[in-house]
Amino acid sequence: RSTSDQTAARKSNKMSDVISRILLYLTMLGLVGVHAAESEERLVHMLFEERGYNPMTRPSRRLGDVTAVNFSLTIAQLISVTEKEETMKTNVWLGQSWFDHRLAWDSKLFNNQKVIRAPSEAVWKPDIVLFNNKDGQYDVAYFAKVLITNEGHVSWLPPAIFQSACSIDVRQFPFDRQVCPMNFGSWTYDAQEVDLVLQGDQAGKDDFKESGEWDIVDSPGKRVATGNQVRVIFEFVIQ
């Protein structure tokens, strides 16, 4: 057998060995994926079926407990400000997170699964809406999935396009500054049931798309408690 034939044979054997190892590795990955899927399926079944989870009831261990909801606002775009209708149209993200003890689990029993995603309709939510809307659209535009950790922390970041009421000072419009508030609160629950905890003192602008007509000079946020109501108000100063 010639030297060239022997060299070609060795290369062929080496390549076959590499391919075998790759196939074995891919097979092992597939098995891990199957086991992870089975663990997550068991976990979801345990949380939402075996425990009899009810998304209509507020997560409280004892009568009189208040559910704290962390709330933040991120603005993606200032779409328009209409003088005649006195409205501000925005594209925003509503950051909300809270603790639900009914959704906690021991990760060791489920292949160390520490995070799952679930349809937002399947869990309790604080029912936060924009109170000073101008078009009857109180709620979010898309019910994105929630993120749930094994400690029972629930995070939700749905997008929304809002038209909010904004009193326009027409004496120098559009050359002066306008202040357009966005007033958020729970539609269903009062302060003795749900408390809003403002995260940060400004609206976020991480992915903000600049407007060719209006600039956001400032966007301070504040928590306002009046009687049995709690609101979070962001005031957009635009020019």
C-alpha atoms as a PDB file:
ATOM      1  CA  ARG A   1       0.000   0.000   0.000  1.00  0.00           C
ATOM      2  CA  SER A   2       1.454   3.367  -0.974  1.00  0.00           C
ATOM      3  CA  THR A   3       2.378   6.076   1.506  1.00  0.00           C
ATOM      4  CA  SER A   4      -0.209   8.437  -0.008  1.00  0.00           C
ATOM      5  CA  ASP A   5      -2.947   5.829   0.457  1.00  0.00           C
ATOM      6  CA  GLN A   6      -1.964   5.337   4.103  1.00  0.00           C
ATOM      7  CA  THR A   7      -1.980   9.096   4.720  1.00  0.00           C
ATOM      8  CA  ALA A   8      -5.432   9.414   3.128  1.00  0.00           C
ATOM      9  CA  ALA A   9      -6.696   6.532   5.248  1.00  0.00           C
ATOM     10  CA  ARG A  10      -5.407   8.134   8.458  1.00  0.00           C
ATOM     11  CA  LYS A  11      -7.071  11.448   7.538  1.00  0.00           C
ATOM     12  CA  SER A  12     -10.307   9.633   6.794  1.00  0.00           C
ATOM     13  CA  ASN A  13     -10.226   7.785  10.131  1.00  0.00           C
ATOM     14  CA  LYS A  14      -9.452  11.010  12.002  1.00  0.00           C
ATOM     15  CA  MET A  15     -12.333  12.824  10.313  1.00  0.00           C
ATOM     16  CA  SER A  16     -14.692   9.948  11.141  1.00  0.00           C
ATOM     17  CA  ASP A  17     -13.615  10.147  14.768  1.00  0.00           C
ATOM     18  CA  VAL A  18     -14.274  13.922  14.858  1.00  0.00           C
ATOM     19  CA  ILE A  19     -17.703  13.465  13.298  1.00  0.00           C
ATOM     20  CA  SER A  20     -18.549  10.717  15.795  1.00  0.00           C
ATOM     21  CA  ARG A  21     -17.619  12.988  18.687  1.00  0.00           C
ATOM     22  CA  ILE A  22     -19.721  15.836  17.280  1.00  0.00           C
ATOM     23  CA  LEU A  23     -22.702  13.527  16.831  1.00  0.00           C
ATOM     24  CA  LEU A  24     -22.280  12.227  20.394  1.00  0.00           C
ATOM     25  CA  TYR A  25     -22.104  15.810  21.699  1.00  0.00           C
ATOM     26  CA  LEU A  26     -25.221  16.824  19.752  1.00  0.00           C
ATOM     27  CA  THR A  27     -27.028  13.739  21.035  1.00  0.00           C
ATOM     28  CA  MET A  28     -26.121  14.645  24.605  1.00  0.00           C
ATOM     29  CA  LEU A  29     -27.375  18.197  24.022  1.00  0.00           C
ATOM     30  CA  GLY A  30     -30.617  16.787  22.698  1.00  0.00           C
ATOM     31  CA  LEU A  31     -31.051  14.638  25.793  1.00  0.00           C
ATOM     32  CA  VAL A  32     -30.380  17.607  28.060  1.00  0.00           C
ATOM     33  CA  GLY A  33     -32.949  19.613  26.110  1.00  0.00           C
ATOM     34  CA  VAL A  34     -35.519  16.862  26.507  1.00  0.00           C
ATOM     35  CA  HIS A  35     -34.864  16.577  30.239  1.00  0.00           C
ATOM     36  CA  ALA A  36     -35.092  20.358  30.653  1.00  0.00           C
ATOM     37  CA  ALA A  37     -38.376  20.446  28.732  1.00  0.00           C
ATOM     38  CA  GLU A  38     -39.779  17.626  30.850  1.00  0.00           C
ATOM     39  CA  SER A  39     -38.734  19.409  34.050  1.00  0.00           C
ATOM     40  CA  GLU A  40     -40.323  22.673  32.930  1.00  0.00           C
ATOM     41  CA  GLU A  41     -43.505  20.870  31.935  1.00  0.00           C
ATOM     42  CA  ARG A  42     -43.701  19.221  35.367  1.00  0.00           C
ATOM     43  CA  LEU A  43     -43.032  22.578  37.011  1.00  0.00           C
ATOM     44  CA  VAL A  44     -45.769  24.394  35.096  1.00  0.00           C
ATOM     45  CA  HIS A  45     -48.199  21.577  35.857  1.00  0.00           C
ATOM     46  CA  MET A  46     -47.340  21.764  39.560  1.00  0.00           C
ATOM     47  CA  LEU A  47     -47.637  25.566  39.792  1.00  0.00           C
ATOM     48  CA  PHE A  48     -50.815  26.121  37.834  1.00  0.00           C
ATOM     49  CA  GLU A  49     -52.740  22.850  38.166  1.00  0.00           C
ATOM     50  CA  GLU A  50     -51.717  20.849  41.216  1.00  0.00           C
ATOM     51  CA  ARG A  51     -51.628  23.918  43.444  1.00  0.00           C
ATOM     52  CA  GLY A  52     -54.889  25.215  42.025  1.00  0.00           C
ATOM     53  CA  TYR A  53     -53.481  28.663  41.243  1.00  0.00           C
ATOM     54  CA  ASN A  54     -56.163  31.328  40.796  1.00  0.00           C
ATOM     55  CA  PRO A  55     -55.096  34.447  38.824  1.00  0.00           C
ATOM     56  CA  MET A  56     -58.188  36.274  40.059  1.00  0.00           C
ATOM     57  CA  THR A  57     -56.984  36.419  43.675  1.00  0.00           C
ATOM     58  CA  ARG A  58     -54.326  38.825  44.932  1.00  0.00           C
ATOM     59  CA  PRO A  59     -51.102  37.274  46.312  1.00  0.00           C
ATOM     60  CA  SER A  60     -51.383  37.857  50.075  1.00  0.00           C
ATOM     61  CA  ARG A  61     -50.515  35.421  52.853  1.00  0.00           C
ATOM     62  CA  ARG A  62     -52.762  37.064  55.444  1.00  0.00           C
ATOM     63  CA  LEU A  63     -55.844  39.234  55.450  1.00  0.00           C
ATOM     64  CA  GLY A  64     -54.775  42.860  55.371  1.00  0.00           C
ATOM     65  CA  ASP A  65     -51.431  42.295  53.630  1.00  0.00           C
ATOM     66  CA  VAL A  66     -50.581  44.899  50.997  1.00  0.00           C
ATOM     67  CA  THR A  67     -49.032  43.770  47.712  1.00  0.00           C
ATOM     68  CA  ALA A  68     -46.105  46.023  46.762  1.00  0.00           C
ATOM     69  CA  VAL A  69     -45.740  46.546  43.015  1.00  0.00           C
ATOM     70  CA  ASN A  70     -42.551  48.083  41.634  1.00  0.00           C
ATOM     71  CA  PHE A  71     -43.402  50.378  38.734  1.00  0.00           C
ATOM     72  CA  SER A  72     -41.300  52.137  36.103  1.00  0.00           C
ATOM     73  CA  LEU A  73     -41.949  53.784  32.749  1.00  0.00           C
ATOM     74  CA  THR A  74     -39.689  53.696  29.716  1.00  0.00           C
ATOM     75  CA  ILE A  75     -40.522  55.873  26.723  1.00  0.00           C
ATOM     76  CA  ALA A  76     -39.528  54.546  23.304  1.00  0.00           C
ATOM     77  CA  GLN A  77     -41.010  57.326  21.193  1.00  0.00           C
ATOM     78  CA  LEU A  78     -42.866  60.612  21.482  1.00  0.00           C
ATOM     79  CA  ILE A  79     -45.101  60.077  18.475  1.00  0.00           C
ATOM     80  CA  SER A  80     -47.025  63.360  18.403  1.00  0.00           C
ATOM     81  CA  VAL A  81     -48.477  66.291  20.320  1.00  0.00           C
ATOM     82  CA  THR A  82     -51.768  67.607  18.956  1.00  0.00           C
ATOM     83  CA  GLU A  83     -52.708  71.182  19.829  1.00  0.00           C
ATOM     84  CA  LYS A  84     -56.365  71.017  18.778  1.00  0.00           C
ATOM     85  CA  GLU A  85     -57.141  67.783  20.637  1.00  0.00           C
ATOM     86  CA  GLU A  86     -54.726  68.541  23.486  1.00  0.00           C
ATOM     87  CA  THR A  87     -53.198  65.084  23.402  1.00  0.00           C
ATOM     88  CA  MET A  88     -49.755  63.528  23.598  1.00  0.00           C
ATOM     89  CA  LYS A  89     -49.233  60.201  21.849  1.00  0.00           C
ATOM     90  CA  THR A  90     -46.415  58.000  23.125  1.00  0.00           C
ATOM     91  CA  ASN A  91     -44.937  54.553  22.681  1.00  0.00           C
ATOM     92  CA  VAL A  92     -43.934  53.274  26.127  1.00  0.00           C
ATOM     93  CA  TRP A  93     -43.023  50.201  28.186  1.00  0.00           C
ATOM     94  CA  LEU A  94     -44.614  49.640  31.583  1.00  0.00           C
ATOM     95  CA  GLY A  95     -42.201  47.931  33.957  1.00  0.00           C
ATOM     96  CA  GLN A  96     -43.982  46.043  36.751  1.00  0.00           C
ATOM     97  CA  SER A  97     -42.744  43.492  39.272  1.00  0.00           C
ATOM     98  CA  TRP A  98     -44.128  41.944  42.452  1.00  0.00           C
ATOM     99  CA  PHE A  99     -43.857  38.914  44.715  1.00  0.00           C
ATOM    100  CA  ASP A 100     -46.325  36.036  44.494  1.00  0.00           C
ATOM    101  CA  HIS A 101     -45.580  33.353  47.088  1.00  0.00           C
ATOM    102  CA  ARG A 102     -47.841  30.903  45.254  1.00  0.00           C
ATOM    103  CA  LEU A 103     -45.409  30.834  42.309  1.00  0.00           C
ATOM    104  CA  ALA A 104     -42.260  29.891  44.258  1.00  0.00           C
ATOM    105  CA  TRP A 105     -40.657  26.441  43.909  1.00  0.00           C
ATOM    106  CA  ASP A 106     -37.621  24.394  44.908  1.00  0.00           C
ATOM    107  CA  SER A 107     -35.383  24.507  41.831  1.00  0.00           C
ATOM    108  CA  LYS A 108     -33.530  21.349  42.920  1.00  0.00           C
ATOM    109  CA  LEU A 109     -36.658  19.312  42.269  1.00  0.00           C
ATOM    110  CA  PHE A 110     -36.906  20.590  38.692  1.00  0.00           C
ATOM    111  CA  ASN A 111     -33.472  20.160  37.125  1.00  0.00           C
ATOM    112  CA  ASN A 112     -32.268  23.456  38.701  1.00  0.00           C
ATOM    113  CA  GLN A 113     -34.883  25.385  36.711  1.00  0.00           C
ATOM    114  CA  LYS A 114     -34.888  28.878  38.241  1.00  0.00           C
ATOM    115  CA  VAL A 115     -36.827  30.911  35.669  1.00  0.00           C
ATOM    116  CA  ILE A 116     -39.889  30.264  33.545  1.00  0.00           C
ATOM    117  CA  ARG A 117     -41.984  32.374  31.200  1.00  0.00           C
ATOM    118  CA  ALA A 118     -45.746  32.166  31.238  1.00  0.00           C
ATOM    119  CA  PRO A 119     -48.687  33.872  29.524  1.00  0.00           C
ATOM    120  CA  SER A 120     -49.585  37.014  31.451  1.00  0.00           C
ATOM    121  CA  GLU A 121     -53.219  35.906  31.468  1.00  0.00           C
ATOM    122  CA  ALA A 122     -52.243  32.926  33.639  1.00  0.00           C
ATOM    123  CA  VAL A 123     -51.040  34.997  36.619  1.00  0.00           C
ATOM    124  CA  TRP A 124     -52.431  37.708  38.878  1.00  0.00           C
ATOM    125  CA  LYS A 125     -51.609  41.255  37.737  1.00  0.00           C
ATOM    126  CA  PRO A 126     -52.055  44.613  39.522  1.00  0.00           C
ATOM    127  CA  ASP A 127     -54.311  46.001  36.764  1.00  0.00           C
ATOM    128  CA  ILE A 128     -52.337  49.225  36.232  1.00  0.00           C
ATOM    129  CA  VAL A 129     -53.828  51.593  33.663  1.00  0.00           C
ATOM    130  CA  LEU A 130     -53.374  55.129  32.325  1.00  0.00           C
ATOM    131  CA  PHE A 131     -56.097  57.196  33.978  1.00  0.00           C
ATOM    132  CA  ASN A 132     -55.749  60.362  31.901  1.00  0.00           C
ATOM    133  CA  ASN A 133     -56.076  58.615  28.562  1.00  0.00           C
ATOM    134  CA  LYS A 134     -57.859  60.529  25.826  1.00  0.00           C
ATOM    135  CA  ASP A 135     -59.073  57.756  23.532  1.00  0.00           C
ATOM    136  CA  GLY A 136     -60.492  55.172  25.947  1.00  0.00           C
ATOM    137  CA  GLN A 137     -57.402  52.966  25.651  1.00  0.00           C
ATOM    138  CA  TYR A 138     -56.607  52.324  29.315  1.00  0.00           C
ATOM    139  CA  ASP A 139     -54.643  49.107  28.982  1.00  0.00           C
ATOM    140  CA  VAL A 140     -51.453  47.920  27.282  1.00  0.00           C
ATOM    141  CA  ALA A 141     -51.251  47.155  23.572  1.00  0.00           C
ATOM    142  CA  TYR A 142     -49.782  43.665  23.880  1.00  0.00           C
ATOM    143  CA  PHE A 143     -49.963  41.197  26.766  1.00  0.00           C
ATOM    144  CA  ALA A 144     -46.352  40.033  26.780  1.00  0.00           C
ATOM    145  CA  LYS A 145     -45.309  36.992  28.795  1.00  0.00           C
ATOM    146  CA  VAL A 146     -44.298  37.312  32.425  1.00  0.00           C
ATOM    147  CA  LEU A 147     -40.960  36.205  33.841  1.00  0.00           C
ATOM    148  CA  ILE A 148     -41.228  34.132  37.039  1.00  0.00           C
ATOM    149  CA  THR A 149     -38.294  33.164  39.270  1.00  0.00           C
ATOM    150  CA  ASN A 150     -38.151  30.215  41.664  1.00  0.00           C
ATOM    151  CA  GLU A 151     -38.358  32.687  44.575  1.00  0.00           C
ATOM    152  CA  GLY A 152     -41.790  33.835  43.416  1.00  0.00           C
ATOM    153  CA  HIS A 153     -40.790  37.153  41.858  1.00  0.00           C
ATOM    154  CA  VAL A 154     -42.887  38.087  38.830  1.00  0.00           C
ATOM    155  CA  SER A 155     -41.710  40.638  36.227  1.00  0.00           C
ATOM    156  CA  TRP A 156     -43.823  42.051  33.408  1.00  0.00           C
ATOM    157  CA  LEU A 157     -42.792  44.557  30.731  1.00  0.00           C
ATOM    158  CA  PRO A 158     -45.686  45.098  28.303  1.00  0.00           C
ATOM    159  CA  PRO A 159     -45.565  47.739  25.549  1.00  0.00           C
ATOM    160  CA  ALA A 160     -48.311  50.310  25.042  1.00  0.00           C
ATOM    161  CA  ILE A 161     -49.255  53.166  22.742  1.00  0.00           C
ATOM    162  CA  PHE A 162     -51.125  55.821  24.723  1.00  0.00           C
ATOM    163  CA  GLN A 163     -52.908  59.038  23.913  1.00  0.00           C
ATOM    164  CA  SER A 164     -52.890  61.058  27.126  1.00  0.00           C
ATOM    165  CA  ALA A 165     -54.641  64.338  27.878  1.00  0.00           C
ATOM    166  CA  CYS A 166     -52.289  67.323  27.847  1.00  0.00           C
ATOM    167  CA  SER A 167     -53.383  70.899  28.485  1.00  0.00           C
ATOM    168  CA  ILE A 168     -51.635  72.983  25.829  1.00  0.00           C
ATOM    169  CA  ASP A 169     -50.727  76.622  26.435  1.00  0.00           C
ATOM    170  CA  VAL A 170     -51.553  78.028  23.006  1.00  0.00           C
ATOM    171  CA  ARG A 171     -50.303  81.565  23.656  1.00  0.00           C
ATOM    172  CA  GLN A 172     -46.812  80.727  22.419  1.00  0.00           C
ATOM    173  CA  PHE A 173     -47.448  77.298  20.930  1.00  0.00           C
ATOM    174  CA  PRO A 174     -45.359  75.608  19.613  1.00  0.00           C
ATOM    175  CA  PHE A 175     -42.350  77.646  20.745  1.00  0.00           C
ATOM    176  CA  ASP A 176     -42.718  77.344  24.520  1.00  0.00           C
ATOM    177  CA  ARG A 177     -42.420  74.396  26.843  1.00  0.00           C
ATOM    178  CA  GLN A 178     -45.395  72.168  27.564  1.00  0.00           C
ATOM    179  CA  VAL A 179     -45.902  69.848  30.525  1.00  0.00           C
ATOM    180  CA  CYS A 180     -47.801  66.674  29.673  1.00  0.00           C
ATOM    181  CA  PRO A 181     -48.513  64.276  32.567  1.00  0.00           C
ATOM    182  CA  MET A 182     -49.169  60.532  32.449  1.00  0.00           C
ATOM    183  CA  ASN A 183     -51.176  59.343  35.448  1.00  0.00           C
ATOM    184  CA  PHE A 184     -50.939  55.623  36.305  1.00  0.00           C
ATOM    185  CA  GLY A 185     -52.676  53.589  38.977  1.00  0.00           C
ATOM    186  CA  SER A 186     -54.480  50.339  39.679  1.00  0.00           C
ATOM    187  CA  TRP A 187     -57.970  50.240  38.220  1.00  0.00           C
ATOM    188  CA  THR A 188     -59.154  47.488  40.593  1.00  0.00           C
ATOM    189  CA  TYR A 189     -57.236  47.819  43.865  1.00  0.00           C
ATOM    190  CA  ASP A 190     -56.969  50.616  46.422  1.00  0.00           C
ATOM    191  CA  ALA A 191     -53.988  51.555  48.617  1.00  0.00           C
ATOM    192  CA  GLN A 192     -54.929  49.009  51.267  1.00  0.00           C
ATOM    193  CA  GLU A 193     -54.515  46.217  48.722  1.00  0.00           C
ATOM    194  CA  VAL A 194     -51.850  47.348  46.232  1.00  0.00           C
ATOM    195  CA  ASP A 195     -49.078  49.874  46.791  1.00  0.00           C
ATOM    196  CA  LEU A 196     -47.107  51.305  43.867  1.00  0.00           C
ATOM    197  CA  VAL A 197     -43.374  51.680  44.466  1.00  0.00           C
ATOM    198  CA  LEU A 198     -41.757  54.072  42.003  1.00  0.00           C
ATOM    199  CA  GLN A 199     -38.497  52.747  40.542  1.00  0.00           C
ATOM    200  CA  GLY A 200     -36.287  55.723  39.712  1.00  0.00           C
ATOM    201  CA  ASP A 201     -37.195  59.403  39.595  1.00  0.00           C
ATOM    202  CA  GLN A 202     -37.290  59.707  35.789  1.00  0.00           C
ATOM    203  CA  ALA A 203     -38.887  57.939  32.866  1.00  0.00           C
ATOM    204  CA  GLY A 204     -36.339  55.694  31.174  1.00  0.00           C
ATOM    205  CA  LYS A 205     -35.076  56.545  27.684  1.00  0.00           C
ATOM    206  CA  ASP A 206     -32.868  53.524  26.961  1.00  0.00           C
ATOM    207  CA  ASP A 207     -34.255  52.892  23.462  1.00  0.00           C
ATOM    208  CA  PHE A 208     -35.710  56.331  22.840  1.00  0.00           C
ATOM    209  CA  LYS A 209     -36.238  57.368  19.224  1.00  0.00           C
ATOM    210  CA  GLU A 210     -35.829  61.114  18.801  1.00  0.00           C
ATOM    211  CA  SER A 211     -38.744  63.098  17.425  1.00  0.00           C
ATOM    212  CA  GLY A 212     -38.132  65.547  14.622  1.00  0.00           C
ATOM    213  CA  GLU A 213     -40.610  68.005  16.119  1.00  0.00           C
ATOM    214  CA  TRP A 214     -40.471  67.688  19.906  1.00  0.00           C
ATOM    215  CA  ASP A 215     -37.690  67.244  22.439  1.00  0.00           C
ATOM    216  CA  ILE A 216     -38.196  65.793  25.922  1.00  0.00           C
ATOM    217  CA  VAL A 217     -36.399  68.178  28.265  1.00  0.00           C
ATOM    218  CA  ASP A 218     -37.311  66.359  31.470  1.00  0.00           C
ATOM    219  CA  SER A 219     -39.545  63.503  32.626  1.00  0.00           C
ATOM    220  CA  PRO A 220     -39.712  63.400  36.432  1.00  0.00           C
ATOM    221  CA  GLY A 221     -41.843  60.783  38.164  1.00  0.00           C
ATOM    222  CA  LYS A 222     -43.517  60.923  41.547  1.00  0.00           C
ATOM    223  CA  ARG A 223     -45.704  58.742  43.738  1.00  0.00           C
ATOM    224  CA  VAL A 224     -48.882  60.481  44.925  1.00  0.00           C
ATOM    225  CA  ALA A 225     -51.063  59.033  47.697  1.00  0.00           C
ATOM    226  CA  THR A 226     -54.457  60.674  48.188  1.00  0.00           C
ATOM    227  CA  GLY A 227     -56.913  59.110  50.600  1.00  0.00           C
ATOM    228  CA  ASN A 228     -57.248  55.490  49.589  1.00  0.00           C
ATOM    229  CA  GLN A 229     -55.640  55.913  46.168  1.00  0.00           C
ATOM    230  CA  VAL A 230     -52.047  55.618  45.004  1.00  0.00           C
ATOM    231  CA  ARG A 231     -50.890  57.053  41.695  1.00  0.00           C
ATOM    232  CA  VAL A 232     -47.584  57.307  39.877  1.00  0.00           C
ATOM    233  CA  ILE A 233     -47.369  60.426  37.722  1.00  0.00           C
ATOM    234  CA  PHE A 234     -44.731  61.196  35.116  1.00  0.00           C
ATOM    235  CA  GLU A 235     -44.583  64.778  33.864  1.00  0.00           C
ATOM    236  CA  PHE A 236     -43.051  65.110  30.403  1.00  0.00           C
ATOM    237  CA  VAL A 237     -41.572  68.542  29.835  1.00  0.00           C
ATOM    238  CA  ILE A 238     -41.372  68.993  26.073  1.00  0.00           C
ATOM    239  CA  GLN A 239     -40.413  71.776  23.708  1.00  0.00           C
END
